[in-house]
Amino acid sequence: MGFGPGMYEIRVQGELSADWSEWLSGMEVRPNDQGETIIAGVVRDQAALHGILSRVRDLNLTLVSVRRLGDDSK
């Protein structure tokens, strides 16, 4: 079974500005009022998801959650 494109929402502790969007593969980056940042957008495949998560790690952010919101390949 393959891993196709899908919409993801990644939540991390701490606040990042929208300026980080390009570095995070063009994902939407927006802080919320709970001191977290939501990183959301379409991820093309599993390798791209791992790349984004590696960048979250490189920023030394605490990962709160990763949710697949939908499947754009259908």
C-alpha atoms as a PDB file:
ATOM      1  CA  MET A   1       0.000   0.000   0.000  1.00  0.00           C
ATOM      2  CA  GLY A   2       1.466   3.368  -1.041  1.00  0.00           C
ATOM      3  CA  PHE A   3       1.565   6.647   0.760  1.00  0.00           C
ATOM      4  CA  GLY A   4       0.024   9.375  -1.380  1.00  0.00           C
ATOM      5  CA  PRO A   5      -0.406  13.088  -0.807  1.00  0.00           C
ATOM      6  CA  GLY A   6      -2.438  14.192   2.181  1.00  0.00           C
ATOM      7  CA  MET A   7      -3.252  17.234   4.268  1.00  0.00           C
ATOM      8  CA  TYR A   8      -1.379  17.326   7.573  1.00  0.00           C
ATOM      9  CA  GLU A   9      -1.486  19.395  10.725  1.00  0.00           C
ATOM     10  CA  ILE A  10       1.639  19.363  12.880  1.00  0.00           C
ATOM     11  CA  ARG A  11       1.530  21.052  16.292  1.00  0.00           C
ATOM     12  CA  VAL A  12       4.653  22.065  18.184  1.00  0.00           C
ATOM     13  CA  GLN A  13       5.268  23.861  21.463  1.00  0.00           C
ATOM     14  CA  GLY A  14       6.551  27.390  21.083  1.00  0.00           C
ATOM     15  CA  GLU A  15       5.783  30.107  18.610  1.00  0.00           C
ATOM     16  CA  LEU A  16       7.218  30.382  15.110  1.00  0.00           C
ATOM     17  CA  SER A  17       6.432  33.238  12.763  1.00  0.00           C
ATOM     18  CA  ALA A  18       4.988  32.724   9.283  1.00  0.00           C
ATOM     19  CA  ASP A  19       8.497  33.509   7.972  1.00  0.00           C
ATOM     20  CA  TRP A  20       9.423  29.856   8.590  1.00  0.00           C
ATOM     21  CA  SER A  21       6.961  28.645   5.945  1.00  0.00           C
ATOM     22  CA  GLU A  22       9.465  28.400   3.083  1.00  0.00           C
ATOM     23  CA  TRP A  23      11.983  26.498   5.213  1.00  0.00           C
ATOM     24  CA  LEU A  24       9.198  24.088   6.200  1.00  0.00           C
ATOM     25  CA  SER A  25       8.417  23.087   2.594  1.00  0.00           C
ATOM     26  CA  GLY A  26       5.868  25.858   2.018  1.00  0.00           C
ATOM     27  CA  MET A  27       3.594  24.703   4.820  1.00  0.00           C
ATOM     28  CA  GLU A  28       1.349  27.298   6.492  1.00  0.00           C
ATOM     29  CA  VAL A  29       2.867  28.315   9.830  1.00  0.00           C
ATOM     30  CA  ARG A  30       0.690  30.044  12.414  1.00  0.00           C
ATOM     31  CA  PRO A  31       0.935  30.409  16.192  1.00  0.00           C
ATOM     32  CA  ASN A  32      -2.159  29.784  18.282  1.00  0.00           C
ATOM     33  CA  ASP A  33      -3.180  31.325  21.601  1.00  0.00           C
ATOM     34  CA  GLN A  34      -2.009  28.278  23.620  1.00  0.00           C
ATOM     35  CA  GLY A  35       1.694  28.910  23.007  1.00  0.00           C
ATOM     36  CA  GLU A  36       1.864  26.381  20.161  1.00  0.00           C
ATOM     37  CA  THR A  37       2.498  26.681  16.450  1.00  0.00           C
ATOM     38  CA  ILE A  38       0.372  24.891  13.859  1.00  0.00           C
ATOM     39  CA  ILE A  39       2.184  23.811  10.696  1.00  0.00           C
ATOM     40  CA  ALA A  40      -0.352  22.740   8.079  1.00  0.00           C
ATOM     41  CA  GLY A  41      -0.555  21.879   4.408  1.00  0.00           C
ATOM     42  CA  VAL A  42      -0.393  19.182   1.776  1.00  0.00           C
ATOM     43  CA  VAL A  43       2.475  16.707   2.105  1.00  0.00           C
ATOM     44  CA  ARG A  44       3.252  14.825  -1.110  1.00  0.00           C
ATOM     45  CA  ASP A  45       4.623  11.600   0.388  1.00  0.00           C
ATOM     46  CA  GLN A  46       6.154   9.962   3.433  1.00  0.00           C
ATOM     47  CA  ALA A  47       9.662  11.190   2.611  1.00  0.00           C
ATOM     48  CA  ALA A  48       8.410  14.793   2.551  1.00  0.00           C
ATOM     49  CA  LEU A  49       6.676  14.296   5.915  1.00  0.00           C
ATOM     50  CA  HIS A  50       9.898  12.945   7.418  1.00  0.00           C
ATOM     51  CA  GLY A  51      11.767  15.938   5.993  1.00  0.00           C
ATOM     52  CA  ILE A  52       9.386  18.390   7.648  1.00  0.00           C
ATOM     53  CA  LEU A  53       9.576  16.507  10.949  1.00  0.00           C
ATOM     54  CA  SER A  54      13.393  16.546  10.727  1.00  0.00           C
ATOM     55  CA  ARG A  55      13.292  20.318  10.385  1.00  0.00           C
ATOM     56  CA  VAL A  56      11.006  20.559  13.417  1.00  0.00           C
ATOM     57  CA  ARG A  57      13.626  18.506  15.289  1.00  0.00           C
ATOM     58  CA  ASP A  58      16.438  20.730  13.978  1.00  0.00           C
ATOM     59  CA  LEU A  59      14.622  23.750  15.454  1.00  0.00           C
ATOM     60  CA  ASN A  60      14.605  21.893  18.804  1.00  0.00           C
ATOM     61  CA  LEU A  61      10.817  22.214  19.044  1.00  0.00           C
ATOM     62  CA  THR A  62       8.714  19.845  21.111  1.00  0.00           C
ATOM     63  CA  LEU A  63       6.320  17.903  18.903  1.00  0.00           C
ATOM     64  CA  VAL A  64       2.770  17.960  20.291  1.00  0.00           C
ATOM     65  CA  SER A  65       0.881  16.092  17.556  1.00  0.00           C
ATOM     66  CA  VAL A  66       0.817  15.052  13.911  1.00  0.00           C
ATOM     67  CA  ARG A  67      -2.573  14.503  12.261  1.00  0.00           C
ATOM     68  CA  ARG A  68      -3.457  13.482   8.741  1.00  0.00           C
ATOM     69  CA  LEU A  69      -6.545  15.519   7.884  1.00  0.00           C
ATOM     70  CA  GLY A  70      -7.401  14.117   4.497  1.00  0.00           C
ATOM     71  CA  ASP A  71      -6.214  12.239   1.439  1.00  0.00           C
ATOM     72  CA  ASP A  72      -5.881  14.304  -1.748  1.00  0.00           C
ATOM     73  CA  SER A  73      -5.018  11.257  -3.868  1.00  0.00           C
ATOM     74  CA  LYS A  74      -8.632  10.003  -4.095  1.00  0.00           C
END
